[in-house]
N, C-alpha and C. Protein backbone atom coordinates (compact mmCIF):
# COMPACT_ATOMS: atom_id res chain seq x y z
N MET A 1 -75.74 162.42 113.82
CA MET A 1 -74.77 163.52 113.87
C MET A 1 -74.13 163.61 115.26
N LEU A 2 -74.98 163.51 116.29
CA LEU A 2 -74.48 163.54 117.66
C LEU A 2 -73.53 162.38 117.92
N LEU A 3 -73.87 161.20 117.40
CA LEU A 3 -73.02 160.01 117.57
C LEU A 3 -71.67 160.22 116.90
N MET A 4 -71.67 160.81 115.69
CA MET A 4 -70.40 161.05 114.98
C MET A 4 -69.55 162.06 115.71
N SER A 5 -70.19 163.06 116.29
CA SER A 5 -69.43 164.06 117.05
C SER A 5 -68.77 163.42 118.26
N ALA A 6 -69.51 162.53 118.93
CA ALA A 6 -68.97 161.85 120.10
C ALA A 6 -67.78 160.97 119.72
N VAL A 7 -67.91 160.27 118.58
CA VAL A 7 -66.81 159.40 118.10
C VAL A 7 -65.58 160.24 117.78
N SER A 8 -65.80 161.38 117.12
CA SER A 8 -64.69 162.27 116.75
C SER A 8 -63.98 162.79 118.00
N LEU A 9 -64.77 163.15 119.03
CA LEU A 9 -64.20 163.65 120.27
C LEU A 9 -63.38 162.57 120.95
N LEU A 10 -63.89 161.34 120.97
CA LEU A 10 -63.18 160.22 121.59
C LEU A 10 -61.87 159.96 120.86
N PHE A 11 -61.91 160.02 119.53
CA PHE A 11 -60.70 159.79 118.73
C PHE A 11 -59.64 160.84 119.04
N ALA A 12 -60.08 162.10 119.16
CA ALA A 12 -59.14 163.19 119.45
C ALA A 12 -58.49 163.00 120.81
N LEU A 13 -59.30 162.56 121.80
CA LEU A 13 -58.76 162.33 123.14
C LEU A 13 -57.73 161.21 123.13
N LEU A 14 -58.02 160.13 122.40
CA LEU A 14 -57.07 159.01 122.32
C LEU A 14 -55.76 159.42 121.67
N MET A 15 -55.85 160.22 120.61
CA MET A 15 -54.63 160.69 119.94
C MET A 15 -53.81 161.58 120.85
N ALA A 16 -54.45 162.43 121.61
CA ALA A 16 -53.75 163.32 122.54
C ALA A 16 -53.01 162.51 123.60
N MET A 17 -53.69 161.43 124.11
CA MET A 17 -53.05 160.57 125.11
C MET A 17 -51.86 159.84 124.52
N TRP A 18 -51.96 159.44 123.25
CA TRP A 18 -50.86 158.70 122.60
C TRP A 18 -49.63 159.57 122.46
N PHE A 19 -49.81 160.85 122.02
CA PHE A 19 -48.67 161.74 121.85
C PHE A 19 -48.03 162.10 123.18
N THR A 20 -48.88 162.25 124.22
CA THR A 20 -48.35 162.57 125.54
C THR A 20 -47.49 161.44 126.07
N ALA A 21 -47.90 160.20 125.78
CA ALA A 21 -47.18 159.04 126.31
C ALA A 21 -46.00 158.63 125.44
N ALA A 22 -45.84 159.25 124.26
CA ALA A 22 -44.75 158.86 123.35
C ALA A 22 -43.41 159.12 124.01
N PRO A 23 -42.40 158.24 123.80
CA PRO A 23 -41.10 158.41 124.45
C PRO A 23 -40.39 159.63 123.95
N ASN A 24 -39.56 160.24 124.82
CA ASN A 24 -38.79 161.41 124.39
C ASN A 24 -37.51 160.95 123.70
N ASN A 25 -36.63 161.93 123.37
CA ASN A 25 -35.44 161.62 122.57
C ASN A 25 -34.18 161.51 123.42
N ALA A 26 -34.34 161.24 124.72
CA ALA A 26 -33.20 161.24 125.62
C ALA A 26 -32.18 160.18 125.27
N ASN A 27 -32.64 159.06 124.71
CA ASN A 27 -31.72 157.97 124.40
C ASN A 27 -31.39 157.90 122.91
N ALA A 28 -31.53 159.04 122.23
CA ALA A 28 -31.21 159.06 120.80
C ALA A 28 -29.72 158.82 120.59
N PRO A 29 -29.33 158.28 119.43
CA PRO A 29 -27.91 158.04 119.16
C PRO A 29 -27.11 159.33 119.20
N TYR A 30 -25.80 159.21 119.49
CA TYR A 30 -24.91 160.36 119.56
C TYR A 30 -24.88 161.10 118.24
N ALA A 31 -25.10 162.41 118.28
CA ALA A 31 -25.04 163.23 117.07
C ALA A 31 -23.60 163.65 116.81
N PRO A 32 -23.16 163.67 115.55
CA PRO A 32 -21.77 164.04 115.25
C PRO A 32 -21.39 165.41 115.78
N SER A 33 -22.24 166.41 115.62
CA SER A 33 -21.92 167.75 116.10
C SER A 33 -22.15 167.83 117.60
N ILE A 34 -21.17 168.35 118.34
CA ILE A 34 -21.28 168.41 119.79
C ILE A 34 -22.05 169.65 120.22
N SER A 35 -21.74 170.81 119.65
CA SER A 35 -22.44 172.00 120.12
C SER A 35 -23.00 172.81 118.97
N SER A 36 -22.34 173.88 118.59
CA SER A 36 -22.95 174.79 117.63
C SER A 36 -22.45 174.56 116.21
N SER A 37 -22.15 173.32 115.87
CA SER A 37 -21.59 173.03 114.56
C SER A 37 -22.54 173.39 113.42
N LYS A 38 -23.84 173.18 113.61
CA LYS A 38 -24.80 173.51 112.56
C LYS A 38 -24.73 174.99 112.22
N GLN A 39 -24.57 175.80 113.26
CA GLN A 39 -24.42 177.23 113.04
C GLN A 39 -23.09 177.51 112.36
N ALA A 40 -22.07 176.74 112.73
CA ALA A 40 -20.74 176.96 112.18
C ALA A 40 -20.71 176.77 110.68
N GLU A 41 -21.51 175.85 110.18
CA GLU A 41 -21.53 175.58 108.75
C GLU A 41 -21.94 176.82 107.96
N LYS A 42 -22.72 177.68 108.58
CA LYS A 42 -23.25 178.84 107.88
C LYS A 42 -22.55 180.13 108.28
N THR A 43 -21.59 180.04 109.18
CA THR A 43 -20.99 181.23 109.77
C THR A 43 -19.72 181.65 109.04
N ASP A 44 -19.65 182.91 108.66
CA ASP A 44 -18.41 183.49 108.17
C ASP A 44 -17.80 184.24 109.34
N PRO A 45 -16.59 183.84 109.79
CA PRO A 45 -16.01 184.44 110.99
C PRO A 45 -15.81 185.94 110.86
N PHE A 46 -15.70 186.43 109.64
CA PHE A 46 -15.39 187.83 109.45
C PHE A 46 -16.64 188.70 109.35
N GLN A 47 -17.81 188.11 109.56
CA GLN A 47 -19.05 188.88 109.59
C GLN A 47 -19.30 189.46 110.98
N SER A 48 -18.46 189.12 111.92
CA SER A 48 -18.61 189.60 113.30
C SER A 48 -17.28 190.17 113.76
N HIS A 49 -17.34 191.14 114.68
CA HIS A 49 -16.10 191.70 115.21
C HIS A 49 -15.43 190.72 116.17
N LYS A 50 -16.18 189.70 116.61
CA LYS A 50 -15.61 188.71 117.51
C LYS A 50 -14.99 187.57 116.71
N PRO A 51 -13.77 187.13 117.08
CA PRO A 51 -13.16 186.02 116.35
C PRO A 51 -13.90 184.71 116.60
N LEU A 52 -13.75 183.79 115.67
CA LEU A 52 -14.37 182.47 115.77
C LEU A 52 -13.28 181.40 115.80
N VAL A 53 -13.39 180.47 116.73
CA VAL A 53 -12.41 179.38 116.86
C VAL A 53 -13.15 178.06 116.93
N GLY A 54 -12.63 177.07 116.23
CA GLY A 54 -13.17 175.71 116.30
C GLY A 54 -12.29 174.85 117.19
N ILE A 55 -12.90 174.11 118.09
CA ILE A 55 -12.18 173.18 118.97
C ILE A 55 -12.69 171.77 118.71
N VAL A 56 -11.81 170.90 118.22
CA VAL A 56 -12.18 169.51 118.00
C VAL A 56 -11.84 168.71 119.25
N SER A 57 -12.84 168.04 119.80
CA SER A 57 -12.62 167.14 120.93
C SER A 57 -12.21 165.79 120.34
N GLY A 58 -10.92 165.50 120.38
CA GLY A 58 -10.36 164.35 119.68
C GLY A 58 -11.08 163.04 119.94
N HIS A 59 -11.43 162.34 118.87
CA HIS A 59 -12.09 161.03 118.86
C HIS A 59 -13.57 161.09 119.23
N ALA A 60 -14.08 162.24 119.62
CA ALA A 60 -15.49 162.34 120.03
C ALA A 60 -16.41 161.91 118.90
N GLY A 61 -17.36 161.05 119.24
CA GLY A 61 -18.33 160.58 118.27
C GLY A 61 -17.80 159.56 117.30
N PHE A 62 -16.56 159.10 117.49
CA PHE A 62 -15.96 158.16 116.54
C PHE A 62 -15.44 156.90 117.23
N ASP A 63 -14.46 157.06 118.12
CA ASP A 63 -13.91 155.91 118.84
C ASP A 63 -13.31 156.41 120.16
N PRO A 64 -12.87 155.51 121.05
CA PRO A 64 -12.34 155.96 122.34
C PRO A 64 -10.93 156.50 122.29
N GLY A 65 -10.24 156.33 121.16
CA GLY A 65 -8.83 156.71 121.11
C GLY A 65 -7.99 155.74 121.92
N ALA A 66 -6.92 156.23 122.52
CA ALA A 66 -6.08 155.38 123.37
C ALA A 66 -6.88 154.94 124.59
N VAL A 67 -6.69 153.68 125.00
CA VAL A 67 -7.42 153.13 126.15
C VAL A 67 -6.41 152.60 127.16
N CYS A 68 -6.53 153.07 128.41
CA CYS A 68 -5.63 152.62 129.47
C CYS A 68 -6.11 151.29 130.05
N ALA A 69 -5.23 150.62 130.79
CA ALA A 69 -5.53 149.30 131.34
C ALA A 69 -6.76 149.30 132.24
N ASP A 70 -6.99 150.41 132.92
CA ASP A 70 -8.13 150.49 133.83
C ASP A 70 -9.39 151.03 133.15
N GLY A 71 -9.33 151.23 131.84
CA GLY A 71 -10.52 151.66 131.11
C GLY A 71 -10.60 153.14 130.81
N LEU A 72 -9.70 153.94 131.37
CA LEU A 72 -9.71 155.37 131.04
C LEU A 72 -9.44 155.54 129.54
N THR A 73 -10.24 156.37 128.88
CA THR A 73 -10.05 156.55 127.44
C THR A 73 -9.55 157.96 127.12
N GLU A 74 -8.84 158.02 126.04
CA GLU A 74 -8.36 159.31 125.56
C GLU A 74 -9.53 160.25 125.26
N ALA A 75 -10.59 159.71 124.66
CA ALA A 75 -11.74 160.54 124.31
C ALA A 75 -12.32 161.25 125.54
N GLU A 76 -12.37 160.53 126.69
CA GLU A 76 -12.88 161.14 127.92
C GLU A 76 -12.01 162.32 128.34
N VAL A 77 -10.70 162.09 128.32
CA VAL A 77 -9.75 163.12 128.73
C VAL A 77 -9.84 164.32 127.79
N ASN A 78 -9.88 164.05 126.49
CA ASN A 78 -9.97 165.13 125.51
C ASN A 78 -11.21 165.98 125.72
N ARG A 79 -12.33 165.31 126.00
CA ARG A 79 -13.60 166.04 126.13
C ARG A 79 -13.59 166.95 127.35
N GLN A 80 -13.03 166.49 128.45
CA GLN A 80 -12.94 167.34 129.64
C GLN A 80 -12.15 168.61 129.35
N VAL A 81 -11.04 168.43 128.65
CA VAL A 81 -10.19 169.57 128.31
C VAL A 81 -10.90 170.48 127.31
N ALA A 82 -11.48 169.88 126.28
CA ALA A 82 -12.14 170.67 125.22
C ALA A 82 -13.28 171.52 125.79
N ASP A 83 -14.07 170.93 126.67
CA ASP A 83 -15.18 171.67 127.29
C ASP A 83 -14.66 172.91 128.01
N GLU A 84 -13.55 172.75 128.73
CA GLU A 84 -13.00 173.86 129.50
C GLU A 84 -12.37 174.91 128.59
N VAL A 85 -11.74 174.48 127.50
CA VAL A 85 -11.17 175.44 126.55
C VAL A 85 -12.29 176.31 125.97
N VAL A 86 -13.39 175.68 125.61
CA VAL A 86 -14.53 176.43 125.06
C VAL A 86 -15.04 177.44 126.09
N ARG A 87 -15.15 177.01 127.33
CA ARG A 87 -15.64 177.90 128.38
C ARG A 87 -14.70 179.10 128.55
N LEU A 88 -13.40 178.83 128.57
CA LEU A 88 -12.42 179.89 128.77
C LEU A 88 -12.44 180.89 127.61
N LEU A 89 -12.49 180.38 126.39
CA LEU A 89 -12.50 181.26 125.23
C LEU A 89 -13.78 182.09 125.18
N ASN A 90 -14.91 181.45 125.47
CA ASN A 90 -16.18 182.20 125.50
C ASN A 90 -16.13 183.32 126.53
N SER A 91 -15.49 183.05 127.66
CA SER A 91 -15.40 184.06 128.72
C SER A 91 -14.54 185.25 128.30
N ARG A 92 -13.70 185.04 127.28
CA ARG A 92 -12.86 186.12 126.77
C ARG A 92 -13.43 186.74 125.50
N GLY A 93 -14.69 186.43 125.21
CA GLY A 93 -15.35 187.04 124.07
C GLY A 93 -15.04 186.41 122.73
N VAL A 94 -14.53 185.19 122.74
CA VAL A 94 -14.22 184.48 121.50
C VAL A 94 -15.34 183.50 121.20
N ARG A 95 -15.99 183.65 120.05
CA ARG A 95 -17.01 182.68 119.64
C ARG A 95 -16.33 181.34 119.40
N THR A 96 -16.87 180.29 119.95
CA THR A 96 -16.19 178.99 119.90
C THR A 96 -17.15 177.87 119.57
N ASP A 97 -16.77 177.04 118.59
CA ASP A 97 -17.53 175.85 118.22
C ASP A 97 -16.83 174.62 118.77
N LEU A 98 -17.57 173.78 119.47
CA LEU A 98 -17.04 172.50 119.94
C LEU A 98 -17.45 171.44 118.94
N LEU A 99 -16.47 170.78 118.33
CA LEU A 99 -16.71 169.88 117.21
C LEU A 99 -16.28 168.46 117.52
N ALA A 100 -16.98 167.51 116.90
CA ALA A 100 -16.62 166.10 117.04
C ALA A 100 -15.49 165.75 116.07
N GLU A 101 -14.94 164.55 116.21
CA GLU A 101 -13.78 164.16 115.40
C GLU A 101 -14.05 164.25 113.91
N PHE A 102 -15.15 163.67 113.46
CA PHE A 102 -15.49 163.73 112.04
C PHE A 102 -16.78 164.54 111.86
N ASP A 103 -16.79 165.71 112.47
CA ASP A 103 -17.96 166.57 112.43
C ASP A 103 -18.24 167.04 111.00
N PRO A 104 -19.49 166.95 110.53
CA PRO A 104 -19.82 167.44 109.20
C PRO A 104 -19.47 168.92 109.01
N ALA A 105 -19.47 169.67 110.10
CA ALA A 105 -19.17 171.11 110.01
C ALA A 105 -17.72 171.38 109.63
N LEU A 106 -16.85 170.38 109.74
CA LEU A 106 -15.45 170.57 109.37
C LEU A 106 -15.28 170.80 107.86
N ASN A 107 -16.22 170.35 107.09
CA ASN A 107 -16.13 170.48 105.64
C ASN A 107 -16.23 171.95 105.23
N GLY A 108 -15.11 172.53 104.82
CA GLY A 108 -15.07 173.94 104.42
C GLY A 108 -15.14 174.91 105.58
N TYR A 109 -14.85 174.44 106.79
CA TYR A 109 -15.00 175.25 108.01
C TYR A 109 -14.13 176.51 107.93
N LYS A 110 -14.76 177.67 108.16
CA LYS A 110 -14.07 178.95 108.14
C LYS A 110 -14.02 179.52 109.55
N ALA A 111 -12.82 179.81 110.01
CA ALA A 111 -12.67 180.37 111.35
C ALA A 111 -11.31 181.05 111.44
N ASN A 112 -11.10 181.79 112.52
CA ASN A 112 -9.80 182.42 112.74
C ASN A 112 -8.76 181.40 113.14
N ALA A 113 -9.21 180.26 113.67
CA ALA A 113 -8.29 179.16 114.00
C ALA A 113 -9.10 177.91 114.33
N LEU A 114 -8.47 176.76 114.11
CA LEU A 114 -9.04 175.49 114.53
C LEU A 114 -7.96 174.70 115.24
N VAL A 115 -8.29 174.16 116.42
CA VAL A 115 -7.33 173.36 117.19
C VAL A 115 -7.99 172.05 117.58
N SER A 116 -7.31 170.94 117.28
CA SER A 116 -7.82 169.62 117.65
C SER A 116 -7.04 169.11 118.86
N ILE A 117 -7.78 168.67 119.86
CA ILE A 117 -7.19 168.28 121.15
C ILE A 117 -7.14 166.76 121.26
N HIS A 118 -5.94 166.24 121.50
CA HIS A 118 -5.72 164.80 121.66
C HIS A 118 -4.78 164.55 122.83
N ALA A 119 -4.62 163.28 123.19
CA ALA A 119 -3.64 162.88 124.20
C ALA A 119 -2.90 161.66 123.66
N ASP A 120 -1.72 161.43 124.22
CA ASP A 120 -0.85 160.37 123.68
C ASP A 120 -1.02 159.05 124.43
N SER A 121 -0.27 158.07 123.99
CA SER A 121 -0.40 156.68 124.43
C SER A 121 -0.39 156.47 125.94
N CYS A 122 -1.08 155.42 126.34
CA CYS A 122 -1.12 155.00 127.74
C CYS A 122 -0.15 153.85 127.99
N GLU A 123 0.63 153.50 126.99
CA GLU A 123 1.44 152.29 127.06
C GLU A 123 2.94 152.54 127.01
N VAL A 124 3.34 153.82 126.88
CA VAL A 124 4.77 154.11 126.73
C VAL A 124 5.35 154.57 128.07
N SER A 125 6.12 153.70 128.69
CA SER A 125 6.72 154.00 129.99
C SER A 125 7.89 154.98 129.84
N GLY A 126 7.96 155.94 130.75
CA GLY A 126 9.07 156.88 130.76
C GLY A 126 8.94 158.04 129.80
N MET A 127 7.86 158.10 129.03
CA MET A 127 7.67 159.15 128.04
C MET A 127 6.75 160.22 128.59
N SER A 128 7.21 161.47 128.56
CA SER A 128 6.42 162.58 129.07
C SER A 128 6.58 163.78 128.14
N GLY A 129 5.53 164.58 128.04
CA GLY A 129 5.62 165.79 127.23
C GLY A 129 4.47 165.93 126.25
N PHE A 130 4.45 167.06 125.57
CA PHE A 130 3.38 167.37 124.62
C PHE A 130 3.99 167.70 123.27
N LYS A 131 3.14 167.80 122.25
CA LYS A 131 3.62 168.20 120.93
C LYS A 131 2.49 168.87 120.16
N VAL A 132 2.88 169.75 119.26
CA VAL A 132 1.93 170.50 118.45
C VAL A 132 2.40 170.45 117.00
N ALA A 133 1.47 170.31 116.08
CA ALA A 133 1.83 170.26 114.66
C ALA A 133 0.77 170.93 113.81
N ARG A 134 1.18 171.29 112.60
CA ARG A 134 0.25 171.78 111.58
C ARG A 134 0.48 170.96 110.33
N VAL A 135 -0.37 171.16 109.35
CA VAL A 135 -0.29 170.38 108.12
C VAL A 135 1.05 170.61 107.42
N THR A 136 1.60 169.59 106.79
CA THR A 136 2.91 169.69 106.15
C THR A 136 2.90 170.71 105.01
N LEU A 137 1.99 170.55 104.07
CA LEU A 137 1.91 171.47 102.93
C LEU A 137 0.80 172.49 103.20
N SER A 138 1.20 173.59 103.80
CA SER A 138 0.23 174.59 104.24
C SER A 138 0.04 175.67 103.19
N ALA A 139 -1.20 176.13 103.03
CA ALA A 139 -1.50 177.26 102.15
C ALA A 139 -1.16 178.57 102.83
N ILE A 140 -1.08 178.51 104.17
CA ILE A 140 -0.79 179.72 104.97
C ILE A 140 0.27 179.38 106.03
N PRO A 141 1.48 179.01 105.64
CA PRO A 141 2.49 178.54 106.59
C PRO A 141 2.85 179.56 107.67
N GLU A 142 2.89 180.82 107.31
CA GLU A 142 3.26 181.83 108.31
C GLU A 142 2.23 181.90 109.43
N ALA A 143 0.96 181.91 109.07
CA ALA A 143 -0.10 181.97 110.08
C ALA A 143 -0.11 180.71 110.93
N GLU A 144 0.03 179.54 110.29
CA GLU A 144 -0.03 178.29 111.05
C GLU A 144 1.21 178.10 111.91
N ASP A 145 2.34 178.61 111.47
CA ASP A 145 3.54 178.57 112.31
C ASP A 145 3.36 179.43 113.56
N LYS A 146 2.68 180.56 113.39
CA LYS A 146 2.38 181.42 114.54
C LYS A 146 1.48 180.71 115.53
N LEU A 147 0.46 180.03 115.01
CA LEU A 147 -0.47 179.30 115.88
C LEU A 147 0.26 178.21 116.64
N VAL A 148 1.08 177.44 115.95
CA VAL A 148 1.85 176.37 116.59
C VAL A 148 2.80 176.93 117.64
N ALA A 149 3.51 178.02 117.31
CA ALA A 149 4.46 178.62 118.25
C ALA A 149 3.76 179.13 119.50
N CYS A 150 2.60 179.78 119.31
CA CYS A 150 1.86 180.29 120.47
C CYS A 150 1.40 179.15 121.37
N LEU A 151 0.89 178.07 120.77
CA LEU A 151 0.44 176.92 121.57
C LEU A 151 1.60 176.29 122.33
N ILE A 152 2.74 176.13 121.67
CA ILE A 152 3.90 175.53 122.33
C ILE A 152 4.36 176.39 123.50
N ASN A 153 4.53 177.69 123.25
CA ASN A 153 5.05 178.58 124.30
C ASN A 153 4.12 178.67 125.49
N GLU A 154 2.84 178.91 125.24
CA GLU A 154 1.89 179.09 126.33
C GLU A 154 1.60 177.79 127.07
N TYR A 155 1.47 176.70 126.33
CA TYR A 155 1.16 175.41 126.97
C TYR A 155 2.32 174.97 127.85
N SER A 156 3.53 175.13 127.37
CA SER A 156 4.71 174.75 128.15
C SER A 156 4.82 175.60 129.42
N LYS A 157 4.59 176.89 129.26
CA LYS A 157 4.72 177.82 130.39
C LYS A 157 3.67 177.54 131.46
N ILE A 158 2.44 177.25 131.06
CA ILE A 158 1.35 177.08 132.02
C ILE A 158 1.31 175.69 132.65
N THR A 159 1.58 174.65 131.86
CA THR A 159 1.49 173.29 132.41
C THR A 159 2.81 172.77 132.99
N GLY A 160 3.93 173.36 132.55
CA GLY A 160 5.23 172.86 133.01
C GLY A 160 5.75 171.67 132.22
N LEU A 161 4.95 171.17 131.28
CA LEU A 161 5.40 170.05 130.45
C LEU A 161 6.38 170.53 129.38
N LYS A 162 7.28 169.64 128.99
CA LYS A 162 8.24 169.97 127.93
C LYS A 162 7.70 169.49 126.58
N GLU A 163 8.13 170.22 125.55
CA GLU A 163 7.74 169.80 124.20
C GLU A 163 8.46 168.51 123.82
N HIS A 164 7.73 167.59 123.19
CA HIS A 164 8.29 166.30 122.78
C HIS A 164 8.15 166.17 121.27
N SER A 165 8.80 167.08 120.54
CA SER A 165 8.61 167.16 119.09
C SER A 165 9.15 165.94 118.35
N ALA A 166 10.04 165.18 118.99
CA ALA A 166 10.63 164.02 118.32
C ALA A 166 9.60 162.94 118.02
N THR A 167 8.44 163.00 118.70
CA THR A 167 7.42 161.97 118.48
C THR A 167 6.23 162.47 117.66
N ILE A 168 6.40 163.60 116.97
CA ILE A 168 5.34 164.05 116.06
C ILE A 168 5.24 163.05 114.92
N THR A 169 4.02 162.62 114.63
CA THR A 169 3.80 161.57 113.64
C THR A 169 3.19 162.12 112.35
N ASP A 170 3.20 161.28 111.34
CA ASP A 170 2.54 161.63 110.08
C ASP A 170 1.04 161.82 110.28
N GLY A 171 0.50 161.08 111.25
CA GLY A 171 -0.92 161.23 111.55
C GLY A 171 -1.26 162.62 112.07
N MET A 172 -0.27 163.31 112.62
CA MET A 172 -0.49 164.68 113.08
C MET A 172 -0.31 165.68 111.94
N THR A 173 0.76 165.56 111.19
CA THR A 173 1.03 166.53 110.11
C THR A 173 0.11 166.34 108.91
N ASN A 174 -0.53 165.18 108.83
CA ASN A 174 -1.52 164.94 107.77
C ASN A 174 -2.89 164.64 108.38
N TYR A 175 -3.16 165.24 109.50
CA TYR A 175 -4.43 165.05 110.21
C TYR A 175 -5.61 165.34 109.28
N HIS A 176 -6.62 164.49 109.31
CA HIS A 176 -7.71 164.57 108.33
C HIS A 176 -8.42 165.92 108.30
N ALA A 177 -8.59 166.55 109.47
CA ALA A 177 -9.33 167.82 109.52
C ALA A 177 -8.63 168.92 108.74
N PHE A 178 -7.29 168.84 108.64
CA PHE A 178 -6.55 169.85 107.88
C PHE A 178 -6.95 169.83 106.40
N ARG A 179 -7.36 168.68 105.92
CA ARG A 179 -7.77 168.56 104.51
C ARG A 179 -9.24 168.93 104.31
N GLU A 180 -9.98 169.02 105.40
CA GLU A 180 -11.42 169.27 105.32
C GLU A 180 -11.78 170.74 105.51
N ILE A 181 -11.08 171.42 106.39
CA ILE A 181 -11.40 172.82 106.67
C ILE A 181 -10.99 173.70 105.49
N ALA A 182 -11.50 174.92 105.44
CA ALA A 182 -11.12 175.87 104.41
C ALA A 182 -9.60 176.06 104.44
N SER A 183 -8.99 176.17 103.29
CA SER A 183 -7.52 176.20 103.22
C SER A 183 -6.93 177.41 103.92
N TYR A 184 -7.72 178.47 104.12
CA TYR A 184 -7.20 179.65 104.80
C TYR A 184 -7.66 179.75 106.25
N THR A 185 -8.10 178.64 106.80
CA THR A 185 -8.35 178.56 108.25
C THR A 185 -7.11 177.97 108.91
N PRO A 186 -6.40 178.73 109.74
CA PRO A 186 -5.21 178.20 110.40
C PRO A 186 -5.59 177.03 111.31
N GLY A 187 -4.88 175.92 111.17
CA GLY A 187 -5.20 174.73 111.96
C GLY A 187 -3.98 174.15 112.66
N ALA A 188 -4.22 173.54 113.82
CA ALA A 188 -3.15 172.87 114.56
C ALA A 188 -3.75 171.72 115.36
N ILE A 189 -2.91 170.74 115.64
CA ILE A 189 -3.32 169.61 116.49
C ILE A 189 -2.34 169.55 117.65
N ILE A 190 -2.86 169.32 118.85
CA ILE A 190 -2.01 169.21 120.04
C ILE A 190 -2.24 167.87 120.73
N GLU A 191 -1.14 167.20 121.04
CA GLU A 191 -1.17 166.02 121.91
C GLU A 191 -0.76 166.54 123.28
N THR A 192 -1.71 166.58 124.20
CA THR A 192 -1.52 167.31 125.46
C THR A 192 -0.56 166.65 126.45
N GLY A 193 -0.23 165.39 126.22
CA GLY A 193 0.67 164.67 127.12
C GLY A 193 0.46 163.17 126.96
N PHE A 194 1.27 162.39 127.64
CA PHE A 194 1.15 160.93 127.58
C PHE A 194 0.25 160.45 128.71
N LEU A 195 -0.70 159.59 128.36
CA LEU A 195 -1.70 159.15 129.33
C LEU A 195 -1.14 158.25 130.42
N LEU A 196 0.12 157.83 130.28
CA LEU A 196 0.73 157.04 131.34
C LEU A 196 1.49 157.96 132.30
N GLU A 197 2.56 158.56 131.81
CA GLU A 197 3.42 159.38 132.68
C GLU A 197 2.79 160.73 133.05
N ASP A 198 1.96 161.28 132.18
CA ASP A 198 1.37 162.60 132.44
C ASP A 198 -0.09 162.50 132.89
N ARG A 199 -0.50 161.32 133.28
CA ARG A 199 -1.92 161.09 133.60
C ARG A 199 -2.42 161.98 134.74
N ALA A 200 -1.61 162.18 135.74
CA ALA A 200 -2.05 162.98 136.89
C ALA A 200 -2.49 164.38 136.43
N LEU A 201 -1.74 164.95 135.52
CA LEU A 201 -2.09 166.28 135.00
C LEU A 201 -3.33 166.21 134.11
N LEU A 202 -3.31 165.29 133.16
CA LEU A 202 -4.38 165.24 132.16
C LEU A 202 -5.73 164.86 132.75
N GLU A 203 -5.73 163.90 133.67
CA GLU A 203 -7.00 163.41 134.22
C GLU A 203 -7.49 164.25 135.39
N ARG A 204 -6.57 164.68 136.26
CA ARG A 204 -6.98 165.34 137.49
C ARG A 204 -6.97 166.86 137.41
N ASN A 205 -6.29 167.40 136.41
CA ASN A 205 -6.23 168.86 136.31
C ASN A 205 -6.49 169.35 134.89
N PRO A 206 -7.63 168.96 134.32
CA PRO A 206 -7.93 169.37 132.94
C PRO A 206 -8.06 170.88 132.79
N GLU A 207 -8.39 171.56 133.90
CA GLU A 207 -8.52 173.03 133.85
C GLU A 207 -7.18 173.67 133.50
N LEU A 208 -6.09 173.14 134.06
CA LEU A 208 -4.77 173.69 133.79
C LEU A 208 -4.36 173.40 132.34
N VAL A 209 -4.63 172.18 131.91
CA VAL A 209 -4.35 171.80 130.52
C VAL A 209 -5.11 172.72 129.56
N ALA A 210 -6.38 172.93 129.86
CA ALA A 210 -7.21 173.79 129.01
C ALA A 210 -6.72 175.23 129.01
N ARG A 211 -6.25 175.68 130.16
CA ARG A 211 -5.75 177.06 130.24
C ARG A 211 -4.53 177.25 129.35
N GLY A 212 -3.69 176.21 129.29
CA GLY A 212 -2.52 176.29 128.42
C GLY A 212 -2.92 176.40 126.96
N ILE A 213 -3.93 175.63 126.55
CA ILE A 213 -4.39 175.66 125.15
C ILE A 213 -5.09 176.98 124.85
N ALA A 214 -6.00 177.39 125.74
CA ALA A 214 -6.74 178.64 125.51
C ALA A 214 -5.79 179.83 125.45
N SER A 215 -4.79 179.82 126.31
CA SER A 215 -3.82 180.92 126.31
C SER A 215 -3.03 180.95 125.00
N GLY A 216 -2.71 179.77 124.47
CA GLY A 216 -2.02 179.70 123.19
C GLY A 216 -2.87 180.25 122.06
N ILE A 217 -4.16 179.93 122.08
CA ILE A 217 -5.07 180.43 121.04
C ILE A 217 -5.23 181.95 121.14
N LEU A 218 -5.37 182.45 122.37
CA LEU A 218 -5.51 183.90 122.56
C LEU A 218 -4.24 184.62 122.12
N CYS A 219 -3.09 184.02 122.38
CA CYS A 219 -1.81 184.57 121.92
C CYS A 219 -1.82 184.70 120.40
N PHE A 220 -2.30 183.68 119.71
CA PHE A 220 -2.35 183.71 118.25
C PHE A 220 -3.33 184.76 117.74
N LEU A 221 -4.51 184.82 118.35
CA LEU A 221 -5.50 185.80 117.91
C LEU A 221 -4.99 187.22 118.10
N LYS A 222 -4.24 187.44 119.17
CA LYS A 222 -3.67 188.77 119.42
C LYS A 222 -2.63 189.10 118.37
N SER A 223 -1.74 188.13 118.06
CA SER A 223 -0.69 188.37 117.07
C SER A 223 -1.29 188.55 115.68
N ASP A 224 -2.44 187.92 115.45
CA ASP A 224 -3.10 188.02 114.14
C ASP A 224 -3.68 189.40 113.94
N ASP A 225 -3.98 190.09 115.05
CA ASP A 225 -4.55 191.43 114.98
C ASP A 225 -3.48 192.51 114.80
N GLU A 226 -2.24 192.14 115.10
CA GLU A 226 -1.15 193.15 115.11
C GLU A 226 -0.61 193.39 113.71
């Protein structure tokens, strides 16, 4: 009996040492959801007095997006801006979800607004400016037009960039997330500028870029309350 007890104790000690030495999850693969997406799947924005906004960090968790000759990627630029937009909105009392490009939480996502942040090509010389679009066939055109107008007005005013609506593409007006979110969640996509001509702003001053977007969203939330 004493021998069996000693063996059992030794086994327990060995198992404890094995679990202690087991590797942690620091190098786990990138998860699709960036921040509170799991909570977002279960959240009804109207159950709280605080509005809820989803921010998609363009290309995050999927691909690099546009890539410049020196290796700068659109995804990097988008993420810097998206992080700051979330911080700014949170500081103003707006609940905010930071979402990946093909985040599972986008499926049926309910919020007061969803904005996807992208940047334009690094290969087009002489092209400068931003653009904003919503889905072509909208279930809520009036609300989405308000969101687009607020983003255009505030972003232009704060960043000094001009709207470049002539280069809005089908990929923007038929952006995949618009088909995934709840039909009554107002959605918009913004191309914050061209990575060649507007690079100084996008790469070196993401705080200003983010302020333009956050201000546009706050403008929309205010108009939605009126």
